[in-house]
């Protein structure tokens, strides 16, 4: 199964991997992310970001992240 999340924040996992600041709100997203990446679900996450992460495709933990401009 393939799932695309459209999120209102950058997930902390992505921010940490790229040395960026992140919000500690919406903790359920991090918990769900950590469980989903260990499953057979192909996860994609779209999130608002500033340059240079507001375009492109980034892979982390087998998950594909897509940044976009707000």
PDB file of N, CA and C in Angstrom:
ATOM      1  N   UNK A   1       0.849  -1.169   0.000  1.00  0.00           N
ATOM      2  CA  UNK A   1       0.000   0.000   0.000  1.00  0.00           C
ATOM      3  C   UNK A   1       0.897   1.236   0.000  1.00  0.00           C
ATOM      4  N   UNK A   2       0.487   2.229  -0.750  1.00  0.00           N
ATOM      5  CA  UNK A   2       1.218   3.496  -0.798  1.00  0.00           C
ATOM      6  C   UNK A   2       0.346   4.579  -0.181  1.00  0.00           C
ATOM      7  N   UNK A   3       0.960   5.399   0.673  1.00  0.00           N
ATOM      8  CA  UNK A   3       0.245   6.455   1.387  1.00  0.00           C
ATOM      9  C   UNK A   3       1.016   7.763   1.238  1.00  0.00           C
ATOM     10  N   UNK A   4       0.298   8.843   0.978  1.00  0.00           N
ATOM     11  CA  UNK A   4       0.905  10.174   0.955  1.00  0.00           C
ATOM     12  C   UNK A   4       0.273  11.004   2.052  1.00  0.00           C
ATOM     13  N   UNK A   5       1.095  11.492   2.957  1.00  0.00           N
ATOM     14  CA  UNK A   5       0.629  12.406   4.007  1.00  0.00           C
ATOM     15  C   UNK A   5       0.875  13.832   3.545  1.00  0.00           C
ATOM     16  N   UNK A   6      -0.100  14.669   3.711  1.00  0.00           N
ATOM     17  CA  UNK A   6       0.055  16.098   3.505  1.00  0.00           C
ATOM     18  C   UNK A   6       0.055  16.705   4.904  1.00  0.00           C
ATOM     19  N   UNK A   7       1.209  17.142   5.363  1.00  0.00           N
ATOM     20  CA  UNK A   7       1.381  17.603   6.743  1.00  0.00           C
ATOM     21  C   UNK A   7       1.485  19.125   6.814  1.00  0.00           C
ATOM     22  N   UNK A   8       1.173  19.650   7.990  1.00  0.00           N
ATOM     23  CA  UNK A   8       1.283  21.091   8.198  1.00  0.00           C
ATOM     24  C   UNK A   8       2.615  21.478   8.832  1.00  0.00           C
ATOM     25  N   UNK A   9       3.475  20.500   9.121  1.00  0.00           N
ATOM     26  CA  UNK A   9       4.809  20.751   9.665  1.00  0.00           C
ATOM     27  C   UNK A   9       5.814  19.808   9.012  1.00  0.00           C
ATOM     28  N   UNK A  10       7.077  20.154   9.132  1.00  0.00           N
ATOM     29  CA  UNK A  10       8.151  19.261   8.719  1.00  0.00           C
ATOM     30  C   UNK A  10       8.316  18.234   9.837  1.00  0.00           C
ATOM     31  N   UNK A  11       8.340  16.969   9.494  1.00  0.00           N
ATOM     32  CA  UNK A  11       8.501  15.951  10.528  1.00  0.00           C
ATOM     33  C   UNK A  11       9.873  16.076  11.193  1.00  0.00           C
ATOM     34  N   UNK A  12       9.920  15.917  12.511  1.00  0.00           N
ATOM     35  CA  UNK A  12      11.200  16.007  13.217  1.00  0.00           C
ATOM     36  C   UNK A  12      12.269  15.061  12.666  1.00  0.00           C
ATOM     37  N   UNK A  13      11.897  13.875  12.211  1.00  0.00           N
ATOM     38  CA  UNK A  13      12.882  12.934  11.663  1.00  0.00           C
ATOM     39  C   UNK A  13      13.617  13.552  10.469  1.00  0.00           C
ATOM     40  N   UNK A  14      12.883  14.210   9.593  1.00  0.00           N
ATOM     41  CA  UNK A  14      13.493  14.850   8.427  1.00  0.00           C
ATOM     42  C   UNK A  14      14.348  16.037   8.866  1.00  0.00           C
ATOM     43  N   UNK A  15      13.824  16.838   9.772  1.00  0.00           N
ATOM     44  CA  UNK A  15      14.560  18.010  10.246  1.00  0.00           C
ATOM     45  C   UNK A  15      15.873  17.600  10.924  1.00  0.00           C
ATOM     46  N   UNK A  16      15.818  16.605  11.785  1.00  0.00           N
ATOM     47  CA  UNK A  16      17.032  16.142  12.469  1.00  0.00           C
ATOM     48  C   UNK A  16      18.064  15.629  11.467  1.00  0.00           C
ATOM     49  N   UNK A  17      17.622  14.863  10.488  1.00  0.00           N
ATOM     50  CA  UNK A  17      18.531  14.294   9.492  1.00  0.00           C
ATOM     51  C   UNK A  17      19.215  15.366   8.651  1.00  0.00           C
ATOM     52  N   UNK A  18      18.596  16.537   8.561  1.00  0.00           N
ATOM     53  CA  UNK A  18      19.145  17.625   7.748  1.00  0.00           C
ATOM     54  C   UNK A  18      19.654  18.797   8.578  1.00  0.00           C
ATOM     55  N   UNK A  19      19.756  18.610   9.899  1.00  0.00           N
ATOM     56  CA  UNK A  19      20.299  19.654  10.775  1.00  0.00           C
ATOM     57  C   UNK A  19      19.438  20.894  10.855  1.00  0.00           C
ATOM     58  N   UNK A  20      18.117  20.727  10.772  1.00  0.00           N
ATOM     59  CA  UNK A  20      17.191  21.856  10.793  1.00  0.00           C
ATOM     60  C   UNK A  20      16.436  21.906  12.116  1.00  0.00           C
ATOM     61  N   UNK A  21      15.944  23.083  12.444  1.00  0.00           N
ATOM     62  CA  UNK A  21      15.087  23.219  13.617  1.00  0.00           C
ATOM     63  C   UNK A  21      13.733  22.589  13.334  1.00  0.00           C
ATOM     64  N   UNK A  22      13.045  22.190  14.393  1.00  0.00           N
ATOM     65  CA  UNK A  22      11.745  21.557  14.199  1.00  0.00           C
ATOM     66  C   UNK A  22      10.833  21.842  15.378  1.00  0.00           C
ATOM     67  N   UNK A  23       9.565  21.612  15.156  1.00  0.00           N
ATOM     68  CA  UNK A  23       8.534  21.823  16.161  1.00  0.00           C
ATOM     69  C   UNK A  23       8.281  20.520  16.908  1.00  0.00           C
ATOM     70  N   UNK A  24       7.995  20.621  18.189  1.00  0.00           N
ATOM     71  CA  UNK A  24       7.686  19.427  18.967  1.00  0.00           C
ATOM     72  C   UNK A  24       6.178  19.206  19.080  1.00  0.00           C
ATOM     73  N   UNK A  25       5.397  20.014  18.391  1.00  0.00           N
ATOM     74  CA  UNK A  25       3.950  19.795  18.395  1.00  0.00           C
ATOM     75  C   UNK A  25       3.605  18.675  17.418  1.00  0.00           C
ATOM     76  N   UNK A  26       2.394  18.194  17.467  1.00  0.00           N
ATOM     77  CA  UNK A  26       1.926  17.121  16.580  1.00  0.00           C
ATOM     78  C   UNK A  26       2.739  15.843  16.756  1.00  0.00           C
ATOM     79  N   UNK A  27       2.999  15.452  17.999  1.00  0.00           N
ATOM     80  CA  UNK A  27       3.806  14.272  18.296  1.00  0.00           C
ATOM     81  C   UNK A  27       3.253  12.978  17.728  1.00  0.00           C
ATOM     82  N   UNK A  28       1.964  12.940  17.481  1.00  0.00           N
ATOM     83  CA  UNK A  28       1.377  11.721  16.912  1.00  0.00           C
ATOM     84  C   UNK A  28       1.935  11.434  15.521  1.00  0.00           C
ATOM     85  N   UNK A  29       2.339  12.481  14.792  1.00  0.00           N
ATOM     86  CA  UNK A  29       2.927  12.267  13.471  1.00  0.00           C
ATOM     87  C   UNK A  29       4.249  11.510  13.576  1.00  0.00           C
ATOM     88  N   UNK A  30       5.081  11.898  14.539  1.00  0.00           N
ATOM     89  CA  UNK A  30       6.366  11.217  14.719  1.00  0.00           C
ATOM     90  C   UNK A  30       6.156   9.774  15.149  1.00  0.00           C
ATOM     91  N   UNK A  31       5.224   9.556  16.062  1.00  0.00           N
ATOM     92  CA  UNK A  31       4.940   8.195  16.504  1.00  0.00           C
ATOM     93  C   UNK A  31       4.434   7.324  15.375  1.00  0.00           C
ATOM     94  N   UNK A  32       3.523   7.863  14.578  1.00  0.00           N
ATOM     95  CA  UNK A  32       2.982   7.110  13.446  1.00  0.00           C
ATOM     96  C   UNK A  32       4.062   6.863  12.397  1.00  0.00           C
ATOM     97  N   UNK A  33       4.873   7.875  12.125  1.00  0.00           N
ATOM     98  CA  UNK A  33       5.960   7.743  11.153  1.00  0.00           C
ATOM     99  C   UNK A  33       6.895   6.599  11.552  1.00  0.00           C
ATOM    100  N   UNK A  34       7.294   6.580  12.808  1.00  0.00           N
ATOM    101  CA  UNK A  34       8.225   5.551  13.283  1.00  0.00           C
ATOM    102  C   UNK A  34       7.647   4.141  13.139  1.00  0.00           C
ATOM    103  N   UNK A  35       6.358   3.994  13.292  1.00  0.00           N
ATOM    104  CA  UNK A  35       5.733   2.671  13.125  1.00  0.00           C
ATOM    105  C   UNK A  35       5.550   2.328  11.650  1.00  0.00           C
ATOM    106  N   UNK A  36       5.170   3.299  10.852  1.00  0.00           N
ATOM    107  CA  UNK A  36       4.907   3.031   9.437  1.00  0.00           C
ATOM    108  C   UNK A  36       6.177   2.659   8.677  1.00  0.00           C
ATOM    109  N   UNK A  37       7.300   3.302   8.971  1.00  0.00           N
ATOM    110  CA  UNK A  37       8.531   2.993   8.223  1.00  0.00           C
ATOM    111  C   UNK A  37       9.025   1.577   8.504  1.00  0.00           C
ATOM    112  N   UNK A  38       8.520   0.963   9.568  1.00  0.00           N
ATOM    113  CA  UNK A  38       8.892  -0.421   9.879  1.00  0.00           C
ATOM    114  C   UNK A  38       7.909  -1.420   9.261  1.00  0.00           C
ATOM    115  N   UNK A  39       6.893  -0.921   8.584  1.00  0.00           N
ATOM    116  CA  UNK A  39       5.867  -1.792   7.995  1.00  0.00           C
ATOM    117  C   UNK A  39       6.101  -1.928   6.490  1.00  0.00           C
ATOM    118  N   UNK A  40       5.167  -2.561   5.811  1.00  0.00           N
ATOM    119  CA  UNK A  40       5.279  -2.729   4.360  1.00  0.00           C
ATOM    120  C   UNK A  40       4.583  -1.601   3.592  1.00  0.00           C
ATOM    121  N   UNK A  41       4.199  -0.548   4.277  1.00  0.00           N
ATOM    122  CA  UNK A  41       3.562   0.610   3.649  1.00  0.00           C
ATOM    123  C   UNK A  41       4.639   1.513   3.051  1.00  0.00           C
ATOM    124  N   UNK A  42       4.437   1.948   1.820  1.00  0.00           N
ATOM    125  CA  UNK A  42       5.333   2.919   1.192  1.00  0.00           C
ATOM    126  C   UNK A  42       4.794   4.306   1.526  1.00  0.00           C
ATOM    127  N   UNK A  43       5.526   5.050   2.338  1.00  0.00           N
ATOM    128  CA  UNK A  43       5.063   6.344   2.822  1.00  0.00           C
ATOM    129  C   UNK A  43       5.735   7.489   2.079  1.00  0.00           C
ATOM    130  N   UNK A  44       4.930   8.465   1.695  1.00  0.00           N
ATOM    131  CA  UNK A  44       5.410   9.729   1.163  1.00  0.00           C
ATOM    132  C   UNK A  44       4.871  10.829   2.062  1.00  0.00           C
ATOM    133  N   UNK A  45       5.679  11.844   2.322  1.00  0.00           N
ATOM    134  CA  UNK A  45       5.267  12.935   3.199  1.00  0.00           C
ATOM    135  C   UNK A  45       5.513  14.260   2.486  1.00  0.00           C
ATOM    136  N   UNK A  46       4.456  15.049   2.322  1.00  0.00           N
ATOM    137  CA  UNK A  46       4.570  16.394   1.759  1.00  0.00           C
ATOM    138  C   UNK A  46       4.443  17.384   2.916  1.00  0.00           C
ATOM    139  N   UNK A  47       5.310  18.385   2.946  1.00  0.00           N
ATOM    140  CA  UNK A  47       5.334  19.313   4.076  1.00  0.00           C
ATOM    141  C   UNK A  47       5.763  20.705   3.623  1.00  0.00           C
ATOM    142  N   UNK A  48       5.325  21.753   4.343  1.00  0.00           N
ATOM    143  CA  UNK A  48       5.752  23.104   4.009  1.00  0.00           C
ATOM    144  C   UNK A  48       7.210  23.307   4.436  1.00  0.00           C
ATOM    145  N   UNK A  49       7.982  23.951   3.573  1.00  0.00           N
ATOM    146  CA  UNK A  49       9.391  24.166   3.875  1.00  0.00           C
ATOM    147  C   UNK A  49       9.900  25.421   3.189  1.00  0.00           C
ATOM    148  N   UNK A  50      11.016  25.898   3.696  1.00  0.00           N
ATOM    149  CA  UNK A  50      11.686  27.036   3.073  1.00  0.00           C
ATOM    150  C   UNK A  50      12.820  26.509   2.204  1.00  0.00           C
ATOM    151  N   UNK A  51      13.361  27.388   1.360  1.00  0.00           N
ATOM    152  CA  UNK A  51      14.472  27.001   0.493  1.00  0.00           C
ATOM    153  C   UNK A  51      15.607  26.439   1.322  1.00  0.00           C
ATOM    154  N   UNK A  52      16.327  25.492   0.869  1.00  0.00           N
ATOM    155  CA  UNK A  52      16.223  24.823  -0.421  1.00  0.00           C
ATOM    156  C   UNK A  52      15.313  23.595  -0.390  1.00  0.00           C
ATOM    157  N   UNK A  53      14.633  23.357   0.711  1.00  0.00           N
ATOM    158  CA  UNK A  53      13.829  22.135   0.867  1.00  0.00           C
ATOM    159  C   UNK A  53      12.395  22.275   0.371  1.00  0.00           C
ATOM    160  N   UNK A  54      12.045  23.427  -0.195  1.00  0.00           N
ATOM    161  CA  UNK A  54      10.667  23.632  -0.663  1.00  0.00           C
ATOM    162  C   UNK A  54      10.421  23.059  -2.057  1.00  0.00           C
ATOM    163  N   UNK A  55      11.419  22.455  -2.638  1.00  0.00           N
ATOM    164  CA  UNK A  55      11.251  21.759  -3.918  1.00  0.00           C
ATOM    165  C   UNK A  55      12.065  20.471  -3.858  1.00  0.00           C
ATOM    166  N   UNK A  56      11.727  19.564  -4.679  1.00  0.00           N
ATOM    167  CA  UNK A  56      12.520  18.345  -4.772  1.00  0.00           C
ATOM    168  C   UNK A  56      11.942  17.178  -4.008  1.00  0.00           C
ATOM    169  N   UNK A  57      12.679  16.122  -4.075  1.00  0.00           N
ATOM    170  CA  UNK A  57      12.297  14.839  -3.483  1.00  0.00           C
ATOM    171  C   UNK A  57      13.476  14.357  -2.656  1.00  0.00           C
ATOM    172  N   UNK A  58      13.209  13.972  -1.428  1.00  0.00           N
ATOM    173  CA  UNK A  58      14.254  13.556  -0.501  1.00  0.00           C
ATOM    174  C   UNK A  58      13.869  12.218   0.105  1.00  0.00           C
ATOM    175  N   UNK A  59      14.832  11.328   0.251  1.00  0.00           N
ATOM    176  CA  UNK A  59      14.539  10.017   0.820  1.00  0.00           C
ATOM    177  C   UNK A  59      15.215   9.869   2.175  1.00  0.00           C
ATOM    178  N   UNK A  60      14.483   9.302   3.121  1.00  0.00           N
ATOM    179  CA  UNK A  60      14.993   9.030   4.465  1.00  0.00           C
ATOM    180  C   UNK A  60      14.243   7.827   5.010  1.00  0.00           C
ATOM    181  N   UNK A  61      14.947   6.843   5.490  1.00  0.00           N
ATOM    182  CA  UNK A  61      14.346   5.648   6.095  1.00  0.00           C
ATOM    183  C   UNK A  61      13.382   4.938   5.146  1.00  0.00           C
ATOM    184  N   UNK A  62      13.626   5.016   3.846  1.00  0.00           N
ATOM    185  CA  UNK A  62      12.725   4.398   2.887  1.00  0.00           C
ATOM    186  C   UNK A  62      11.468   5.202   2.609  1.00  0.00           C
ATOM    187  N   UNK A  63      11.354   6.365   3.217  1.00  0.00           N
ATOM    188  CA  UNK A  63      10.210   7.263   3.029  1.00  0.00           C
ATOM    189  C   UNK A  63      10.636   8.392   2.090  1.00  0.00           C
ATOM    190  N   UNK A  64       9.728   8.823   1.234  1.00  0.00           N
ATOM    191  CA  UNK A  64      10.014   9.924   0.320  1.00  0.00           C
ATOM    192  C   UNK A  64       9.367  11.203   0.877  1.00  0.00           C
ATOM    193  N   UNK A  65      10.161  12.250   0.996  1.00  0.00           N
ATOM    194  CA  UNK A  65       9.679  13.546   1.491  1.00  0.00           C
ATOM    195  C   UNK A  65       9.641  14.538   0.343  1.00  0.00           C
ATOM    196  N   UNK A  66       8.570  15.326   0.295  1.00  0.00           N
ATOM    197  CA  UNK A  66       8.385  16.358  -0.718  1.00  0.00           C
ATOM    198  C   UNK A  66       8.114  17.684  -0.017  1.00  0.00           C
ATOM    199  N   UNK A  67       9.012  18.634  -0.179  1.00  0.00           N
ATOM    200  CA  UNK A  67       8.787  19.949   0.391  1.00  0.00           C
ATOM    201  C   UNK A  67       8.019  20.834  -0.585  1.00  0.00           C
ATOM    202  N   UNK A  68       7.255  21.762  -0.042  1.00  0.00           N
ATOM    203  CA  UNK A  68       6.549  22.722  -0.900  1.00  0.00           C
ATOM    204  C   UNK A  68       6.515  24.076  -0.213  1.00  0.00           C
ATOM    205  N   UNK A  69       6.349  25.138  -0.996  1.00  0.00           N
ATOM    206  CA  UNK A  69       6.236  26.496  -0.455  1.00  0.00           C
ATOM    207  C   UNK A  69       4.819  26.713   0.046  1.00  0.00           C
ATOM    208  N   UNK A  70       4.708  27.381   1.169  1.00  0.00           N
ATOM    209  CA  UNK A  70       3.364  27.679   1.693  1.00  0.00           C
ATOM    210  C   UNK A  70       2.750  28.793   0.903  1.00  0.00           C
TER     211      UNK A  70
END
